[in-house]
């Protein structure tokens, strides 16, 4: 999917005690909705399974990063015809790598906006520290 087409739609999400119909935006096999917590966050749902698509049930503070996560996943498999548990085994490490990259940008941007710091500088510092730990 070269250009993602997002549209308003209702979709189901899994809850511990069943499922719930929520409003959000949808593109392909993924839906995104705003969830009110201590601070509002965007969650990504795999529509065929009604389950959260992010590792560990994570979420984004930035809608554009949530969209980027979903669009990058769309290119990896036919998510409408794949069992999510099988996808975790086959694609899990790739999904986690995309998640790690985007959540680092999300955290850096949120921190930078709050404290007036350049987000790219924070990401560069984090990447440098990670390289030092690996060596």
Protein backbone atom coordinates (compact mmCIF):
# COMPACT_ATOMS: atom_id res chain seq x y z
CA UNK A 1 0.00 0.00 0.00
CA UNK A 2 1.91 3.02 -1.24
CA UNK A 3 -0.34 5.72 0.16
CA UNK A 4 -2.34 4.77 3.21
CA UNK A 5 -6.01 5.67 3.07
CA UNK A 6 -7.37 6.20 6.58
CA UNK A 7 -11.12 6.46 7.14
CA UNK A 8 -13.38 6.95 10.16
CA UNK A 9 -15.02 3.71 11.25
CA UNK A 10 -16.29 1.76 14.22
CA UNK A 11 -14.42 -1.46 15.08
CA UNK A 12 -14.22 -4.02 17.85
CA UNK A 13 -11.45 -4.35 20.42
CA UNK A 14 -10.94 -7.24 22.82
CA UNK A 15 -11.44 -6.65 26.52
CA UNK A 16 -10.94 -9.06 29.41
CA UNK A 17 -14.68 -9.46 29.74
CA UNK A 18 -15.54 -9.61 26.03
CA UNK A 19 -15.30 -7.02 23.30
CA UNK A 20 -16.22 -3.40 22.86
CA UNK A 21 -17.22 -1.38 19.81
CA UNK A 22 -15.07 1.76 19.50
CA UNK A 23 -14.72 4.62 17.04
CA UNK A 24 -11.44 5.32 15.33
CA UNK A 25 -9.68 5.33 11.98
CA UNK A 26 -9.01 2.27 9.83
CA UNK A 27 -6.54 1.36 7.10
CA UNK A 28 -6.36 -2.21 5.82
CA UNK A 29 -6.30 -4.70 8.69
CA UNK A 30 -5.51 -2.11 11.39
CA UNK A 31 -7.54 0.36 13.39
CA UNK A 32 -6.33 3.22 15.55
CA UNK A 33 -8.29 4.87 18.32
CA UNK A 34 -7.72 7.49 20.97
CA UNK A 35 -7.78 5.98 24.44
CA UNK A 36 -8.15 8.19 27.48
CA UNK A 37 -5.72 7.24 30.24
CA UNK A 38 -3.78 9.52 32.58
CA UNK A 39 -2.84 11.15 29.31
CA UNK A 40 -4.49 10.42 25.94
CA UNK A 41 -2.75 7.73 23.84
CA UNK A 42 -3.30 6.13 20.44
CA UNK A 43 -3.70 2.36 20.30
CA UNK A 44 -3.32 0.16 17.22
CA UNK A 45 -5.64 -2.85 16.82
CA UNK A 46 -5.38 -5.82 14.47
CA UNK A 47 -8.96 -5.81 13.18
CA UNK A 48 -9.40 -9.51 12.25
CA UNK A 49 -8.49 -10.58 15.80
CA UNK A 50 -9.75 -7.45 17.67
CA UNK A 51 -6.46 -7.50 19.62
CA UNK A 52 -3.85 -4.85 20.20
CA UNK A 53 -1.10 -4.95 17.56
CA UNK A 54 1.68 -3.34 19.59
CA UNK A 55 4.12 -5.43 21.63
CA UNK A 56 3.21 -5.58 25.29
CA UNK A 57 -0.04 -3.71 24.71
CA UNK A 58 1.86 -0.47 24.13
CA UNK A 59 0.50 2.76 22.71
CA UNK A 60 1.68 6.02 21.16
CA UNK A 61 1.25 9.61 22.28
CA UNK A 62 1.54 10.70 18.64
CA UNK A 63 -1.11 9.74 16.05
CA UNK A 64 1.31 10.01 13.13
CA UNK A 65 3.64 7.43 14.71
CA UNK A 66 0.70 5.10 15.36
CA UNK A 67 -0.23 5.41 11.68
CA UNK A 68 3.38 4.79 10.61
CA UNK A 69 3.48 1.66 12.78
CA UNK A 70 0.31 0.27 11.17
CA UNK A 71 1.38 1.15 7.62
CA UNK A 72 4.79 -0.46 8.06
CA UNK A 73 3.13 -3.62 9.36
CA UNK A 74 0.72 -3.67 6.40
CA UNK A 75 3.65 -4.19 4.05
CA UNK A 76 4.89 -7.26 5.93
CA UNK A 77 2.01 -9.74 5.46
CA UNK A 78 -1.60 -10.25 4.42
CA UNK A 79 -2.92 -9.35 7.86
CA UNK A 80 -6.52 -10.03 6.87
CA UNK A 81 -5.68 -13.70 6.33
CA UNK A 82 -3.08 -14.38 8.99
CA UNK A 83 -3.55 -15.66 12.49
CA UNK A 84 -2.08 -13.10 14.88
CA UNK A 85 -0.39 -15.78 17.01
CA UNK A 86 1.26 -17.29 13.93
CA UNK A 87 2.31 -13.79 12.88
CA UNK A 88 3.94 -13.28 16.29
CA UNK A 89 6.11 -16.36 15.68
CA UNK A 90 6.93 -15.53 12.05
CA UNK A 91 7.21 -11.74 12.20
CA UNK A 92 7.59 -10.99 15.90
CA UNK A 93 11.17 -9.74 15.85
CA UNK A 94 10.45 -7.45 12.88
CA UNK A 95 7.35 -6.03 14.56
CA UNK A 96 9.31 -5.44 17.78
CA UNK A 97 12.12 -3.68 15.83
CA UNK A 98 9.60 -1.32 14.21
CA UNK A 99 7.94 -0.74 17.60
CA UNK A 100 11.28 0.01 19.29
CA UNK A 101 12.25 2.52 16.62
CA UNK A 102 8.93 4.35 16.70
CA UNK A 103 8.40 4.33 20.45
CA UNK A 104 11.90 5.80 20.93
CA UNK A 105 10.89 8.65 18.60
CA UNK A 106 7.59 9.03 20.46
CA UNK A 107 9.26 9.25 23.88
CA UNK A 108 11.99 11.60 22.64
CA UNK A 109 9.45 13.91 21.00
CA UNK A 110 7.19 13.96 24.07
CA UNK A 111 10.14 14.69 26.38
CA UNK A 112 11.54 17.32 24.01
CA UNK A 113 8.20 19.10 23.72
CA UNK A 114 7.80 19.15 27.49
CA UNK A 115 11.33 20.38 28.27
CA UNK A 116 12.24 22.37 25.16
CA UNK A 117 14.97 20.01 23.96
CA UNK A 118 15.72 19.00 20.36
CA UNK A 119 14.20 15.49 19.90
CA UNK A 120 16.82 14.50 17.30
CA UNK A 121 19.57 15.31 19.81
CA UNK A 122 17.93 13.00 22.37
CA UNK A 123 17.65 10.20 19.80
CA UNK A 124 21.30 10.63 18.81
CA UNK A 125 22.36 10.44 22.47
CA UNK A 126 20.25 7.30 22.98
CA UNK A 127 21.69 5.63 19.86
CA UNK A 128 25.25 6.46 20.93
CA UNK A 129 24.66 5.00 24.40
CA UNK A 130 23.14 1.83 22.89
CA UNK A 131 26.16 1.34 20.62
CA UNK A 132 28.54 1.74 23.58
CA UNK A 133 26.63 -0.92 25.57
CA UNK A 134 26.91 -3.40 22.67
CA UNK A 135 30.69 -2.93 22.23
